[in-house]
Amino acid sequence: MLNIIHFSTNDFGGAGLAALRVHEECLSADFNSKLYVLNKRSTSSHVYSKSSKIKRIFNAPINRYDNFKKSLFLKNRNSFYSLVGNGNVLDETALREVITQDTNIVVLHWIAGFIDISLIENVCREMDVKIVYYLMDMAMLTGGCHFSHGCEQYKKICANCPETSNEQYRVKIAEHHFKQVRYSIRLAPYAMASSKFLLDQAKDSALQFADYLMTRPPISKKFEYRPKAQSSGSFKVLMGAYKRSDERKGYRDALRALAILDSFLNEIDQKVEVLVPSADFEADFQSFKNITLKIFSFAKNDEQLIALYNSADLLFNTSLDDSGPMMVLESQMCGVPFVATEVGVASEIAQMFPDNGEVVAPSDAGKMAEKIFAAIKSQKSCAQRSAISVNVREYYNLFNGNVENLRKIGASETANEN
């Protein structure tokens, strides 16, 4: 039986939920699996929070201040970076209580602000534990950028970062990237991802990996298209950007696109309802004549998520730096077409299956509006939505699941010992 330890900053959100699901897959396969997080929301008894509430409260304003300082020195709002593997919450003593001689594999998910990679290196090399980088974006491969936006410095060293003119931050980014490269050489981690794009970036990066494993996304088979009676009401658009303050999700671009779309809708007899969770921008929609805003609560379980996706006619994702995101894959499994920025997995899917969705350049609000308008005028039939779900599912079924890939890594460890 494999003994597996997962580390993730959260057990919620895109990367955090992926970590939780991979962990649950391991438990279902009878692995001795434990997930350690900084911030816990799940009720699972196999998920452990390694930070006190007092420490989390103390760190919150510090992190906000650090993010504010970074924002002052970034030239391009499309660039956001987090120093993944540079956390300060879990120290070496606590890490040695978690990773023991019986541990076979440590899986690092999104660990920004949680664990320093140098501590992982110290403990895992000493105990000969295999390391897996479960990639959800490019932050582990760069000086901190979630997405490269065409920059290729991560292939060598992130020196003289073009996204900032501040020398202090350029040095910090370069040092962080060099550290990531150095520890990859010492640890020889395995790269796992549900995205060919991310694995290609891992292969091109300066980091060195023992192997590159394409894996099925950690999404339950329950995520499927469930046909319903065709509605003659509003065309429902599920929007990924739900916070005005979160630049990474591209809300300003989404709002500009919707304003243009609102004028297009004067030509046809069709209303649009935009679905968002817990929005903070209700006032921005008051000037629209043909578009209304519907706010819903965050889904608490998979069944609520599946029902939400199946209620939508289109996913509108304006993310500027998510190499996934999970929302695109989940909605595709439920037969929802998309209009999305050409960042990450959406581009892969659109290239393989043009009928599944379309991508546009980030910040091109006019093109976004045109694509959404075209989708409204030629709404997908039940058969077409079913085909979207089947195409994506059959493609990912070509690859091993997370459990099979972890077994493969565990078997390589056993072979090395023999």
Protein backbone atom coordinates (compact mmCIF):
# COMPACT_ATOMS: atom_id res chain seq x y z
CA MET A 1 0.00 0.00 0.00
CA LEU A 2 1.32 3.41 -0.97
CA ASN A 3 1.72 6.05 1.73
CA ILE A 4 1.09 9.43 0.11
CA ILE A 5 1.24 12.92 1.60
CA HIS A 6 -0.37 15.83 -0.27
CA PHE A 7 0.38 19.48 0.46
CA SER A 8 -1.87 22.31 -0.72
CA THR A 9 -2.39 25.85 0.53
CA ASN A 10 -6.18 25.33 0.40
CA ASP A 11 -8.67 22.49 -0.04
CA PHE A 12 -11.02 24.81 -1.95
CA GLY A 13 -10.82 26.98 -5.05
CA GLY A 14 -9.54 25.61 -8.38
CA ALA A 15 -6.17 24.16 -7.36
CA GLY A 16 -7.30 23.41 -3.81
CA LEU A 17 -10.37 21.48 -4.96
CA ALA A 18 -8.19 19.56 -7.42
CA ALA A 19 -5.86 18.61 -4.55
CA LEU A 20 -8.81 17.45 -2.44
CA ARG A 21 -10.19 15.35 -5.29
CA VAL A 22 -6.83 13.72 -6.06
CA HIS A 23 -6.50 12.89 -2.37
CA GLU A 24 -10.01 11.39 -2.33
CA GLU A 25 -9.17 9.29 -5.40
CA CYS A 26 -6.16 7.96 -3.50
CA LEU A 27 -8.32 7.05 -0.51
CA SER A 28 -10.77 5.23 -2.80
CA ALA A 29 -7.84 3.22 -4.16
CA ASP A 30 -6.97 2.17 -0.57
CA PHE A 31 -3.81 4.27 -0.47
CA ASN A 32 -2.83 5.63 2.92
CA SER A 33 -3.34 9.22 1.79
CA LYS A 34 -3.32 12.41 3.86
CA LEU A 35 -3.83 15.99 2.71
CA TYR A 36 -2.22 18.82 4.70
CA VAL A 37 -3.43 22.35 4.03
CA LEU A 38 -2.99 25.85 5.34
CA ASN A 39 -6.68 26.73 5.01
CA LYS A 40 -9.31 24.01 5.46
CA ARG A 41 -13.00 24.13 4.56
CA SER A 42 -13.76 20.46 3.89
CA THR A 43 -15.18 18.22 6.61
CA SER A 44 -12.96 15.27 5.69
CA SER A 45 -11.19 13.63 8.61
CA HIS A 46 -8.26 12.88 6.27
CA VAL A 47 -7.57 16.59 5.64
CA TYR A 48 -5.42 18.32 8.23
CA SER A 49 -4.82 22.02 8.74
CA LYS A 50 -1.24 22.79 9.75
CA SER A 51 -1.76 26.36 10.86
CA SER A 52 -3.52 27.85 13.84
CA LYS A 53 -6.33 30.34 13.32
CA ILE A 54 -4.26 32.98 15.12
CA LYS A 55 -1.33 32.51 12.73
CA ARG A 56 -3.62 32.67 9.68
CA ILE A 57 -5.16 35.91 10.95
CA PHE A 58 -1.69 37.33 11.66
CA ASN A 59 -0.40 36.39 8.18
CA ALA A 60 -3.42 37.75 6.27
CA PRO A 61 -2.55 41.50 6.47
CA ILE A 62 1.11 40.71 5.76
CA ASN A 63 0.14 38.84 2.58
CA ARG A 64 -2.20 41.66 1.51
CA TYR A 65 0.61 44.18 2.01
CA ASP A 66 3.04 42.02 0.01
CA ASN A 67 0.50 41.76 -2.83
CA PHE A 68 0.00 45.53 -2.75
CA LYS A 69 3.76 46.11 -3.00
CA LYS A 70 4.00 43.71 -5.94
CA SER A 71 1.16 45.50 -7.74
CA LEU A 72 3.07 48.78 -7.55
CA PHE A 73 5.99 47.38 -9.51
CA LEU A 74 4.20 45.35 -12.19
CA LYS A 75 4.10 46.96 -15.61
CA ASN A 76 1.39 44.75 -17.04
CA ARG A 77 -1.81 43.89 -15.20
CA ASN A 78 -1.84 40.56 -17.09
CA SER A 79 1.09 39.44 -14.95
CA PHE A 80 0.62 38.09 -11.46
CA TYR A 81 3.14 36.09 -9.57
CA SER A 82 3.23 34.11 -6.38
CA LEU A 83 6.45 32.70 -5.02
CA VAL A 84 5.29 29.08 -4.92
CA GLY A 85 7.52 27.02 -2.67
CA ASN A 86 8.50 30.09 -0.66
CA GLY A 87 6.06 29.73 2.26
CA ASN A 88 6.80 30.27 5.92
CA VAL A 89 3.98 28.52 7.78
CA LEU A 90 5.16 24.91 7.99
CA ASP A 91 8.65 24.69 9.49
CA GLU A 92 11.05 21.74 9.28
CA THR A 93 10.09 20.34 12.68
CA ALA A 94 6.42 20.21 11.71
CA LEU A 95 7.32 18.79 8.30
CA ARG A 96 9.25 15.91 9.89
CA GLU A 97 6.17 15.06 11.94
CA VAL A 98 4.25 14.63 8.68
CA ILE A 99 6.80 13.05 6.33
CA THR A 100 8.15 9.89 7.92
CA GLN A 101 10.27 6.91 6.88
CA ASP A 102 7.07 5.15 5.74
CA THR A 103 6.15 7.90 3.26
CA ASN A 104 6.51 6.83 -0.39
CA ILE A 105 5.37 9.91 -2.31
CA VAL A 106 4.86 13.59 -1.52
CA VAL A 107 2.54 15.44 -3.91
CA LEU A 108 2.98 19.21 -4.04
CA HIS A 109 -0.12 20.98 -5.31
CA TRP A 110 -0.46 24.77 -4.98
CA ILE A 111 1.69 25.58 -1.92
CA ALA A 112 2.24 29.36 -2.16
CA GLY A 113 2.59 30.91 1.30
CA PHE A 114 2.60 27.48 2.94
CA ILE A 115 5.89 25.58 2.65
CA ASP A 116 9.40 26.49 1.56
CA ILE A 117 10.70 24.10 -1.10
CA SER A 118 14.10 23.99 0.63
CA LEU A 119 12.50 22.24 3.62
CA ILE A 120 10.85 19.71 1.32
CA GLU A 121 14.26 19.08 -0.22
CA ASN A 122 15.95 18.59 3.17
CA VAL A 123 13.42 16.08 4.47
CA CYS A 124 12.57 14.15 1.30
CA ARG A 125 16.16 13.63 0.18
CA GLU A 126 17.08 12.35 3.62
CA MET A 127 14.20 9.85 3.58
CA ASP A 128 14.41 9.03 -0.15
CA VAL A 129 10.81 10.09 -0.80
CA LYS A 130 9.55 10.65 -4.35
CA ILE A 131 8.21 14.12 -5.17
CA VAL A 132 5.37 14.94 -7.57
CA TYR A 133 4.65 18.47 -8.81
CA TYR A 134 0.92 18.48 -9.60
CA LEU A 135 0.82 21.38 -12.05
CA MET A 136 -2.24 23.61 -12.30
CA ASP A 137 -0.39 26.61 -13.75
CA MET A 138 3.18 27.67 -14.57
CA ALA A 139 4.13 29.18 -11.21
CA MET A 140 6.37 26.23 -10.23
CA LEU A 141 8.23 26.59 -13.54
CA THR A 142 8.86 30.34 -13.54
CA GLY A 143 10.05 33.06 -11.22
CA GLY A 144 6.46 33.19 -10.00
CA CYS A 145 4.26 34.00 -13.02
CA HIS A 146 1.17 31.83 -13.30
CA PHE A 147 1.29 32.13 -17.09
CA SER A 148 4.22 33.16 -19.29
CA HIS A 149 2.32 35.29 -21.86
CA GLY A 150 4.96 34.46 -24.46
CA CYS A 151 7.97 35.19 -22.26
CA GLU A 152 10.58 32.42 -22.60
CA GLN A 153 13.00 33.35 -19.83
CA TYR A 154 11.72 30.47 -17.68
CA LYS A 155 13.50 28.16 -20.14
CA LYS A 156 16.85 29.40 -18.80
CA ILE A 157 16.66 31.81 -15.87
CA CYS A 158 14.12 34.51 -15.04
CA ALA A 159 16.64 37.35 -15.00
CA ASN A 160 15.71 40.94 -15.88
CA CYS A 161 12.00 40.14 -15.70
CA PRO A 162 10.20 42.24 -18.36
CA GLU A 163 7.14 42.65 -16.14
CA THR A 164 8.82 44.97 -13.66
CA SER A 165 11.43 47.71 -13.80
CA ASN A 166 12.06 47.51 -10.06
CA GLU A 167 15.51 46.03 -9.53
CA GLN A 168 14.62 44.65 -6.10
CA TYR A 169 11.81 42.55 -7.54
CA ARG A 170 13.86 41.50 -10.56
CA VAL A 171 16.52 40.11 -8.23
CA LYS A 172 13.90 38.41 -6.05
CA ILE A 173 12.23 36.77 -9.07
CA ALA A 174 15.57 35.60 -10.49
CA GLU A 175 16.68 34.18 -7.13
CA HIS A 176 13.39 32.37 -6.69
CA HIS A 177 13.55 30.83 -10.15
CA PHE A 178 17.16 29.77 -9.62
CA LYS A 179 16.11 28.11 -6.36
CA GLN A 180 13.31 26.23 -8.14
CA VAL A 181 15.78 25.00 -10.76
CA ARG A 182 18.39 23.98 -8.18
CA TYR A 183 15.93 21.98 -6.10
CA SER A 184 14.46 20.27 -9.16
CA ILE A 185 17.95 19.00 -9.98
CA ARG A 186 18.37 17.68 -6.44
CA LEU A 187 14.87 16.23 -6.07
CA ALA A 188 14.20 14.98 -9.63
CA PRO A 189 10.44 15.43 -9.17
CA TYR A 190 7.75 14.00 -11.42
CA ALA A 191 5.57 16.47 -13.35
CA MET A 192 1.86 15.60 -13.50
CA ALA A 193 -0.80 17.68 -15.23
CA SER A 194 -4.16 17.41 -16.98
CA SER A 195 -2.90 19.76 -19.66
CA LYS A 196 -0.56 18.99 -22.55
CA PHE A 197 0.28 22.69 -22.60
CA LEU A 198 1.55 22.59 -19.01
CA LEU A 199 3.58 19.43 -19.57
CA ASP A 200 5.15 20.99 -22.68
CA GLN A 201 6.07 24.05 -20.60
CA ALA A 202 7.57 21.77 -17.94
CA LYS A 203 9.69 20.03 -20.60
CA ASP A 204 10.84 23.38 -22.00
CA SER A 205 11.59 24.88 -18.59
CA ALA A 206 14.98 25.00 -16.90
CA LEU A 207 13.66 22.66 -14.20
CA GLN A 208 14.59 18.99 -14.45
CA PHE A 209 12.01 16.24 -13.95
CA ALA A 210 12.26 12.46 -13.65
CA ASP A 211 9.22 12.03 -15.92
CA TYR A 212 6.25 13.90 -17.38
CA LEU A 213 2.85 12.31 -16.79
CA MET A 214 -0.35 13.40 -18.52
CA THR A 215 -3.23 12.56 -16.21
CA ARG A 216 -7.00 12.65 -16.35
CA PRO A 217 -8.38 15.73 -14.60
CA PRO A 218 -9.64 15.10 -11.06
CA ILE A 219 -13.28 15.42 -12.05
CA SER A 220 -15.91 12.85 -11.10
CA LYS A 221 -17.75 10.86 -13.77
CA LYS A 222 -20.90 12.44 -12.37
CA PHE A 223 -19.98 15.62 -14.27
CA GLU A 224 -22.00 14.98 -17.42
CA TYR A 225 -24.52 16.61 -19.69
CA ARG A 226 -28.05 16.11 -18.44
CA PRO A 227 -30.55 16.99 -21.19
CA LYS A 228 -33.37 19.29 -20.23
CA ALA A 229 -36.27 20.85 -22.07
CA GLN A 230 -35.12 23.67 -24.31
CA SER A 231 -35.99 27.00 -22.69
CA SER A 232 -37.35 29.98 -24.58
CA GLY A 233 -36.26 32.32 -21.79
CA SER A 234 -33.00 34.16 -21.23
CA PHE A 235 -29.71 32.88 -22.63
CA LYS A 236 -27.67 32.01 -19.53
CA VAL A 237 -23.98 32.92 -19.43
CA LEU A 238 -21.90 31.56 -16.55
CA MET A 239 -19.07 34.05 -15.96
CA GLY A 240 -15.75 33.17 -14.33
CA ALA A 241 -14.91 36.72 -13.20
CA TYR A 242 -16.86 37.52 -10.06
CA LYS A 243 -14.69 40.05 -8.20
CA ARG A 244 -13.94 43.54 -9.41
CA SER A 245 -10.86 43.53 -7.18
CA ASP A 246 -9.38 40.29 -8.58
CA GLU A 247 -7.50 41.47 -11.67
CA ARG A 248 -6.44 37.91 -12.52
CA LYS A 249 -9.96 36.96 -13.56
CA GLY A 250 -10.23 39.76 -16.12
CA TYR A 251 -13.41 41.40 -14.83
CA ARG A 252 -12.75 44.74 -16.54
CA ASP A 253 -12.45 42.99 -19.90
CA ALA A 254 -15.60 40.99 -19.20
CA LEU A 255 -17.57 44.15 -18.37
CA ARG A 256 -16.40 45.91 -21.55
CA ALA A 257 -17.37 42.84 -23.60
CA LEU A 258 -20.82 42.70 -22.01
CA ALA A 259 -21.39 46.40 -22.72
CA ILE A 260 -20.68 45.77 -26.40
CA LEU A 261 -22.84 42.64 -26.35
CA ASP A 262 -25.71 44.63 -24.84
CA SER A 263 -25.72 46.89 -27.90
CA PHE A 264 -25.60 43.87 -30.24
CA LEU A 265 -28.66 42.40 -28.53
CA ASN A 266 -30.77 45.34 -29.69
CA GLU A 267 -30.76 43.62 -33.10
CA ILE A 268 -32.49 40.45 -31.89
CA ASP A 269 -35.26 39.49 -29.49
CA GLN A 270 -33.09 37.79 -26.89
CA LYS A 271 -32.27 38.58 -23.28
CA VAL A 272 -29.12 37.41 -21.51
CA GLU A 273 -28.77 36.44 -17.87
CA VAL A 274 -25.23 36.47 -16.47
CA LEU A 275 -24.67 34.00 -13.63
CA VAL A 276 -21.98 34.80 -11.05
CA PRO A 277 -21.33 33.73 -7.45
CA SER A 278 -21.23 36.40 -4.77
CA ALA A 279 -20.57 39.34 -7.11
CA ASP A 280 -19.48 42.78 -5.89
CA PHE A 281 -20.39 44.68 -9.06
CA GLU A 282 -24.21 44.79 -9.22
CA ALA A 283 -24.17 48.53 -9.97
CA ASP A 284 -22.13 47.94 -13.14
CA PHE A 285 -25.07 46.09 -14.73
CA GLN A 286 -27.72 48.75 -14.11
CA SER A 287 -27.12 50.51 -17.43
CA PHE A 288 -27.65 47.36 -19.51
CA LYS A 289 -30.95 47.04 -21.37
CA ASN A 290 -30.72 43.41 -22.45
CA ILE A 291 -28.46 41.83 -19.83
CA THR A 292 -29.33 41.07 -16.23
CA LEU A 293 -27.22 39.76 -13.37
CA LYS A 294 -28.14 36.72 -11.30
CA ILE A 295 -26.08 36.10 -8.17
CA PHE A 296 -25.96 32.64 -6.64
CA SER A 297 -24.16 31.11 -3.69
CA PHE A 298 -20.97 29.13 -4.16
CA ALA A 299 -21.68 25.45 -4.76
CA LYS A 300 -21.14 23.34 -1.66
CA ASN A 301 -20.81 19.99 -3.40
CA ASP A 302 -20.42 18.35 -6.80
CA GLU A 303 -24.16 17.89 -7.34
CA GLN A 304 -24.74 21.63 -6.98
CA LEU A 305 -21.86 22.32 -9.38
CA ILE A 306 -23.23 19.86 -11.95
CA ALA A 307 -26.70 21.42 -11.73
CA LEU A 308 -25.19 24.88 -12.16
CA TYR A 309 -23.19 23.93 -15.25
CA ASN A 310 -26.17 22.18 -16.81
CA SER A 311 -28.30 25.29 -16.30
CA ALA A 312 -25.87 27.43 -18.31
CA ASP A 313 -25.87 27.88 -22.10
CA LEU A 314 -22.32 29.25 -22.27
CA LEU A 315 -19.22 29.64 -20.10
CA PHE A 316 -17.55 33.05 -20.41
CA ASN A 317 -14.03 32.88 -18.98
CA THR A 318 -11.81 35.97 -19.10
CA SER A 319 -8.97 34.71 -16.91
CA LEU A 320 -5.62 36.34 -17.59
CA ASP A 321 -3.31 33.77 -16.04
CA ASP A 322 -5.05 30.48 -15.17
CA SER A 323 -3.43 27.71 -17.18
CA GLY A 324 -6.49 25.58 -16.39
CA PRO A 325 -8.82 26.59 -15.05
CA MET A 326 -10.86 23.74 -13.55
CA MET A 327 -14.04 25.62 -14.43
CA VAL A 328 -13.40 25.11 -18.16
CA LEU A 329 -12.90 21.35 -17.81
CA GLU A 330 -15.83 20.85 -15.44
CA SER A 331 -18.23 22.79 -17.65
CA GLN A 332 -17.04 20.94 -20.75
CA MET A 333 -17.79 17.61 -19.06
CA CYS A 334 -21.33 18.97 -18.61
CA GLY A 335 -21.61 19.89 -22.29
CA VAL A 336 -21.26 23.67 -21.89
CA PRO A 337 -19.55 25.50 -24.79
CA PHE A 338 -17.20 28.35 -23.93
CA VAL A 339 -15.86 31.69 -25.02
CA ALA A 340 -12.56 32.09 -23.20
CA THR A 341 -9.24 33.86 -23.27
CA GLU A 342 -6.51 31.89 -25.02
CA VAL A 343 -4.80 31.03 -21.75
CA GLY A 344 -4.11 27.38 -21.00
CA VAL A 345 -6.44 24.42 -21.45
CA ALA A 346 -9.20 26.34 -23.28
CA SER A 347 -6.85 26.78 -26.24
CA GLU A 348 -6.04 23.05 -26.24
CA ILE A 349 -9.70 22.07 -26.32
CA ALA A 350 -10.66 24.66 -28.95
CA GLN A 351 -7.87 23.43 -31.21
CA MET A 352 -8.88 19.75 -30.87
CA PHE A 353 -12.64 20.30 -30.87
CA PRO A 354 -13.59 23.59 -32.59
CA ASP A 355 -17.29 23.05 -31.86
CA ASN A 356 -16.62 22.91 -28.10
CA GLY A 357 -15.65 26.54 -27.72
CA GLU A 358 -13.72 29.52 -29.01
CA VAL A 359 -10.78 31.47 -27.65
CA VAL A 360 -9.84 35.12 -28.02
CA ALA A 361 -6.84 37.20 -27.04
CA PRO A 362 -6.91 38.59 -23.49
CA SER A 363 -8.35 42.12 -23.34
CA ASP A 364 -9.99 41.88 -26.80
CA ALA A 365 -13.45 42.82 -25.52
CA GLY A 366 -14.83 43.42 -29.01
CA LYS A 367 -13.98 39.92 -30.18
CA MET A 368 -15.35 38.44 -26.95
CA ALA A 369 -18.68 40.17 -27.55
CA GLU A 370 -18.79 38.97 -31.16
CA LYS A 371 -18.16 35.36 -30.14
CA ILE A 372 -20.83 35.43 -27.42
CA PHE A 373 -23.32 37.04 -29.81
CA ALA A 374 -22.63 34.33 -32.40
CA ALA A 375 -23.18 31.65 -29.73
CA ILE A 376 -26.52 33.22 -28.80
CA LYS A 377 -27.70 33.30 -32.42
CA SER A 378 -26.76 29.65 -32.96
CA GLN A 379 -27.52 28.02 -29.63
CA LYS A 380 -26.32 24.45 -29.19
CA SER A 381 -28.88 21.67 -29.45
CA CYS A 382 -29.09 18.84 -26.93
CA ALA A 383 -27.22 16.58 -29.37
CA GLN A 384 -24.45 19.16 -29.82
CA ARG A 385 -24.06 19.66 -26.08
CA SER A 386 -23.92 15.91 -25.57
CA ALA A 387 -21.17 15.74 -28.22
CA ILE A 388 -19.14 18.37 -26.33
CA SER A 389 -19.25 16.24 -23.20
CA VAL A 390 -18.45 13.00 -25.03
CA ASN A 391 -15.53 14.50 -27.00
CA VAL A 392 -13.75 15.83 -23.93
CA ARG A 393 -14.41 12.75 -21.83
CA GLU A 394 -13.16 10.35 -24.52
CA TYR A 395 -10.02 12.43 -25.04
CA TYR A 396 -9.04 12.41 -21.36
CA ASN A 397 -9.90 8.72 -21.05
CA LEU A 398 -6.91 8.07 -23.33
CA PHE A 399 -4.66 8.87 -20.37
CA ASN A 400 -4.04 7.21 -17.03
CA GLY A 401 -5.88 8.54 -14.02
CA ASN A 402 -4.15 10.05 -11.00
CA VAL A 403 -4.18 6.74 -9.12
CA GLU A 404 -2.58 4.83 -12.00
CA ASN A 405 0.13 7.47 -12.39
CA LEU A 406 0.92 7.48 -8.68
CA ARG A 407 1.11 3.68 -8.73
CA LYS A 408 3.57 3.96 -11.60
CA ILE A 409 5.72 6.37 -9.61
CA GLY A 410 5.50 4.12 -6.55
CA ALA A 411 6.53 1.11 -8.63
CA SER A 412 9.56 2.99 -9.92
CA GLU A 413 10.56 3.65 -6.32
CA THR A 414 10.29 -0.05 -5.47
CA ALA A 415 12.30 -0.99 -8.54
CA ASN A 416 15.03 1.47 -7.56
CA GLU A 417 15.20 -0.03 -4.07
CA ASN A 418 15.58 -3.54 -5.51
